[in-house]
Amino acid sequence: MLTHKQALAAVIQALGGSWDTRRAVLALRVAGYEPPSEEAAGKEARRHLRELADDGMIVRPDPERAVYRLA
């Protein structure tokens, strides 16, 4: 079974494009993550996006916007 981070990584690799918090939340929900609140969903999505950026899989081209794309 994939972790939520692994599931998000797989979806980002498959679909490409730009990834923001809202799109990441949707992908996590499709992967089975049911957050207790919208705030929790956003926090989880942002954490995974930052971790994937730290891993070098995605990049944040504009430091003023929290939008990522494949590296």
N, C-alpha and C. Protein backbone atom coordinates (compact mmCIF):
# COMPACT_ATOMS: atom_id res chain seq x y z
N MET A 1 0.84 -1.18 0.00
CA MET A 1 0.00 0.00 0.00
C MET A 1 0.89 1.25 0.00
N LEU A 2 0.53 2.20 -0.82
CA LEU A 2 1.31 3.44 -0.93
C LEU A 2 1.00 4.38 0.22
N THR A 3 2.01 5.13 0.64
CA THR A 3 1.76 6.22 1.58
C THR A 3 1.06 7.34 0.80
N HIS A 4 0.52 8.30 1.52
CA HIS A 4 -0.13 9.41 0.83
C HIS A 4 0.88 10.19 -0.01
N LYS A 5 2.09 10.35 0.50
CA LYS A 5 3.13 11.05 -0.25
C LYS A 5 3.45 10.30 -1.54
N GLN A 6 3.59 8.98 -1.46
CA GLN A 6 3.88 8.18 -2.64
C GLN A 6 2.74 8.24 -3.64
N ALA A 7 1.51 8.22 -3.14
CA ALA A 7 0.34 8.29 -4.03
C ALA A 7 0.30 9.63 -4.74
N LEU A 8 0.58 10.71 -4.00
CA LEU A 8 0.60 12.03 -4.62
C LEU A 8 1.71 12.12 -5.66
N ALA A 9 2.87 11.59 -5.34
CA ALA A 9 3.99 11.59 -6.29
C ALA A 9 3.62 10.86 -7.58
N ALA A 10 2.95 9.71 -7.45
CA ALA A 10 2.57 8.93 -8.62
C ALA A 10 1.58 9.70 -9.49
N VAL A 11 0.63 10.38 -8.87
CA VAL A 11 -0.36 11.15 -9.63
C VAL A 11 0.31 12.34 -10.33
N ILE A 12 1.21 13.03 -9.62
CA ILE A 12 1.91 14.16 -10.22
C ILE A 12 2.73 13.69 -11.43
N GLN A 13 3.42 12.56 -11.29
CA GLN A 13 4.21 12.03 -12.41
C GLN A 13 3.31 11.65 -13.57
N ALA A 14 2.17 11.07 -13.29
CA ALA A 14 1.27 10.62 -14.35
C ALA A 14 0.60 11.78 -15.08
N LEU A 15 0.19 12.81 -14.33
CA LEU A 15 -0.58 13.89 -14.93
C LEU A 15 0.23 15.11 -15.31
N GLY A 16 1.36 15.33 -14.62
CA GLY A 16 2.17 16.51 -14.90
C GLY A 16 1.40 17.79 -14.63
N GLY A 17 1.81 18.86 -15.25
CA GLY A 17 1.13 20.13 -15.08
C GLY A 17 1.51 20.84 -13.80
N SER A 18 0.72 21.82 -13.44
CA SER A 18 0.95 22.62 -12.24
C SER A 18 0.18 22.04 -11.06
N TRP A 19 0.81 22.10 -9.90
CA TRP A 19 0.20 21.54 -8.69
C TRP A 19 0.19 22.57 -7.58
N ASP A 20 -1.02 22.87 -7.12
CA ASP A 20 -1.19 23.74 -5.97
C ASP A 20 -1.88 22.94 -4.87
N THR A 21 -2.16 23.59 -3.77
CA THR A 21 -2.77 22.90 -2.63
C THR A 21 -4.09 22.25 -3.01
N ARG A 22 -4.94 22.97 -3.71
CA ARG A 22 -6.26 22.44 -4.05
C ARG A 22 -6.17 21.17 -4.90
N ARG A 23 -5.31 21.19 -5.90
CA ARG A 23 -5.17 20.01 -6.76
C ARG A 23 -4.56 18.85 -5.99
N ALA A 24 -3.61 19.13 -5.10
CA ALA A 24 -3.00 18.07 -4.29
C ALA A 24 -4.02 17.47 -3.33
N VAL A 25 -4.88 18.30 -2.74
CA VAL A 25 -5.92 17.79 -1.84
C VAL A 25 -6.83 16.83 -2.60
N LEU A 26 -7.23 17.21 -3.80
CA LEU A 26 -8.09 16.34 -4.60
C LEU A 26 -7.40 15.01 -4.89
N ALA A 27 -6.13 15.06 -5.27
CA ALA A 27 -5.39 13.83 -5.56
C ALA A 27 -5.28 12.95 -4.32
N LEU A 28 -5.05 13.55 -3.17
CA LEU A 28 -4.97 12.78 -1.93
C LEU A 28 -6.31 12.14 -1.59
N ARG A 29 -7.39 12.86 -1.82
CA ARG A 29 -8.72 12.28 -1.55
C ARG A 29 -8.99 11.08 -2.47
N VAL A 30 -8.60 11.22 -3.72
CA VAL A 30 -8.78 10.10 -4.66
C VAL A 30 -7.96 8.89 -4.20
N ALA A 31 -6.80 9.17 -3.56
CA ALA A 31 -5.94 8.10 -3.07
C ALA A 31 -6.44 7.51 -1.74
N GLY A 32 -7.53 8.05 -1.20
CA GLY A 32 -8.12 7.48 0.00
C GLY A 32 -7.93 8.26 1.27
N TYR A 33 -7.29 9.41 1.22
CA TYR A 33 -7.10 10.23 2.41
C TYR A 33 -8.38 10.99 2.71
N GLU A 34 -8.95 10.75 3.88
CA GLU A 34 -10.16 11.45 4.31
C GLU A 34 -9.81 12.31 5.51
N PRO A 35 -9.51 13.58 5.28
CA PRO A 35 -9.12 14.47 6.37
C PRO A 35 -10.29 14.81 7.28
N PRO A 36 -9.99 15.15 8.53
CA PRO A 36 -11.06 15.54 9.45
C PRO A 36 -11.64 16.92 9.13
N SER A 37 -10.89 17.75 8.38
CA SER A 37 -11.37 19.09 8.04
C SER A 37 -10.65 19.58 6.79
N GLU A 38 -11.16 20.66 6.21
CA GLU A 38 -10.51 21.26 5.05
C GLU A 38 -9.13 21.79 5.44
N GLU A 39 -9.02 22.34 6.63
CA GLU A 39 -7.73 22.85 7.10
C GLU A 39 -6.70 21.73 7.18
N ALA A 40 -7.10 20.59 7.72
CA ALA A 40 -6.20 19.44 7.81
C ALA A 40 -5.80 18.94 6.43
N ALA A 41 -6.75 18.94 5.50
CA ALA A 41 -6.47 18.50 4.13
C ALA A 41 -5.42 19.40 3.49
N GLY A 42 -5.58 20.71 3.65
CA GLY A 42 -4.63 21.65 3.08
C GLY A 42 -3.25 21.52 3.69
N LYS A 43 -3.18 21.35 5.01
CA LYS A 43 -1.89 21.19 5.68
C LYS A 43 -1.17 19.94 5.18
N GLU A 44 -1.90 18.84 5.08
CA GLU A 44 -1.31 17.59 4.61
C GLU A 44 -0.80 17.74 3.17
N ALA A 45 -1.60 18.34 2.31
CA ALA A 45 -1.21 18.53 0.92
C ALA A 45 0.04 19.40 0.81
N ARG A 46 0.06 20.51 1.54
CA ARG A 46 1.22 21.41 1.49
C ARG A 46 2.48 20.72 2.01
N ARG A 47 2.32 19.94 3.07
CA ARG A 47 3.48 19.21 3.62
C ARG A 47 4.06 18.26 2.58
N HIS A 48 3.19 17.51 1.92
CA HIS A 48 3.68 16.55 0.92
C HIS A 48 4.29 17.27 -0.28
N LEU A 49 3.70 18.38 -0.71
CA LEU A 49 4.28 19.13 -1.82
C LEU A 49 5.68 19.63 -1.45
N ARG A 50 5.84 20.15 -0.24
CA ARG A 50 7.17 20.62 0.19
C ARG A 50 8.16 19.46 0.25
N GLU A 51 7.73 18.31 0.76
CA GLU A 51 8.62 17.15 0.84
C GLU A 51 9.04 16.67 -0.55
N LEU A 52 8.10 16.65 -1.48
CA LEU A 52 8.43 16.23 -2.85
C LEU A 52 9.38 17.23 -3.50
N ALA A 53 9.23 18.51 -3.17
CA ALA A 53 10.18 19.51 -3.67
C ALA A 53 11.55 19.29 -3.04
N ASP A 54 11.59 19.01 -1.74
CA ASP A 54 12.87 18.72 -1.07
C ASP A 54 13.54 17.49 -1.66
N ASP A 55 12.73 16.53 -2.10
CA ASP A 55 13.26 15.30 -2.72
C ASP A 55 13.74 15.55 -4.16
N GLY A 56 13.40 16.71 -4.72
CA GLY A 56 13.83 17.05 -6.07
C GLY A 56 12.90 16.59 -7.17
N MET A 57 11.74 16.04 -6.81
CA MET A 57 10.81 15.56 -7.82
C MET A 57 10.04 16.70 -8.49
N ILE A 58 9.68 17.71 -7.69
CA ILE A 58 8.96 18.85 -8.22
C ILE A 58 9.72 20.13 -7.85
N VAL A 59 9.43 21.20 -8.56
CA VAL A 59 10.07 22.49 -8.29
C VAL A 59 9.00 23.56 -8.17
N ARG A 60 9.37 24.63 -7.50
CA ARG A 60 8.49 25.78 -7.34
C ARG A 60 9.13 26.93 -8.11
N PRO A 61 8.75 27.11 -9.38
CA PRO A 61 9.42 28.09 -10.23
C PRO A 61 9.29 29.54 -9.76
N ASP A 62 8.19 29.87 -9.12
CA ASP A 62 7.96 31.25 -8.65
C ASP A 62 7.90 31.23 -7.12
N PRO A 63 8.91 31.78 -6.44
CA PRO A 63 8.93 31.74 -4.98
C PRO A 63 7.77 32.51 -4.33
N GLU A 64 7.07 33.31 -5.11
CA GLU A 64 5.94 34.09 -4.58
C GLU A 64 4.63 33.29 -4.59
N ARG A 65 4.63 32.16 -5.30
CA ARG A 65 3.41 31.35 -5.42
C ARG A 65 3.71 29.91 -5.03
N ALA A 66 2.78 29.29 -4.30
CA ALA A 66 2.95 27.90 -3.89
C ALA A 66 2.37 26.98 -4.98
N VAL A 67 2.98 27.05 -6.15
CA VAL A 67 2.58 26.21 -7.28
C VAL A 67 3.83 25.48 -7.76
N TYR A 68 3.70 24.19 -7.92
CA TYR A 68 4.82 23.33 -8.27
C TYR A 68 4.60 22.70 -9.63
N ARG A 69 5.71 22.20 -10.21
CA ARG A 69 5.64 21.43 -11.46
C ARG A 69 6.75 20.38 -11.39
N LEU A 70 6.71 19.41 -12.27
CA LEU A 70 7.76 18.39 -12.32
C LEU A 70 9.11 19.02 -12.56
N ALA A 71 10.11 18.48 -11.91
CA ALA A 71 11.49 19.00 -12.08
C ALA A 71 12.04 18.59 -13.42
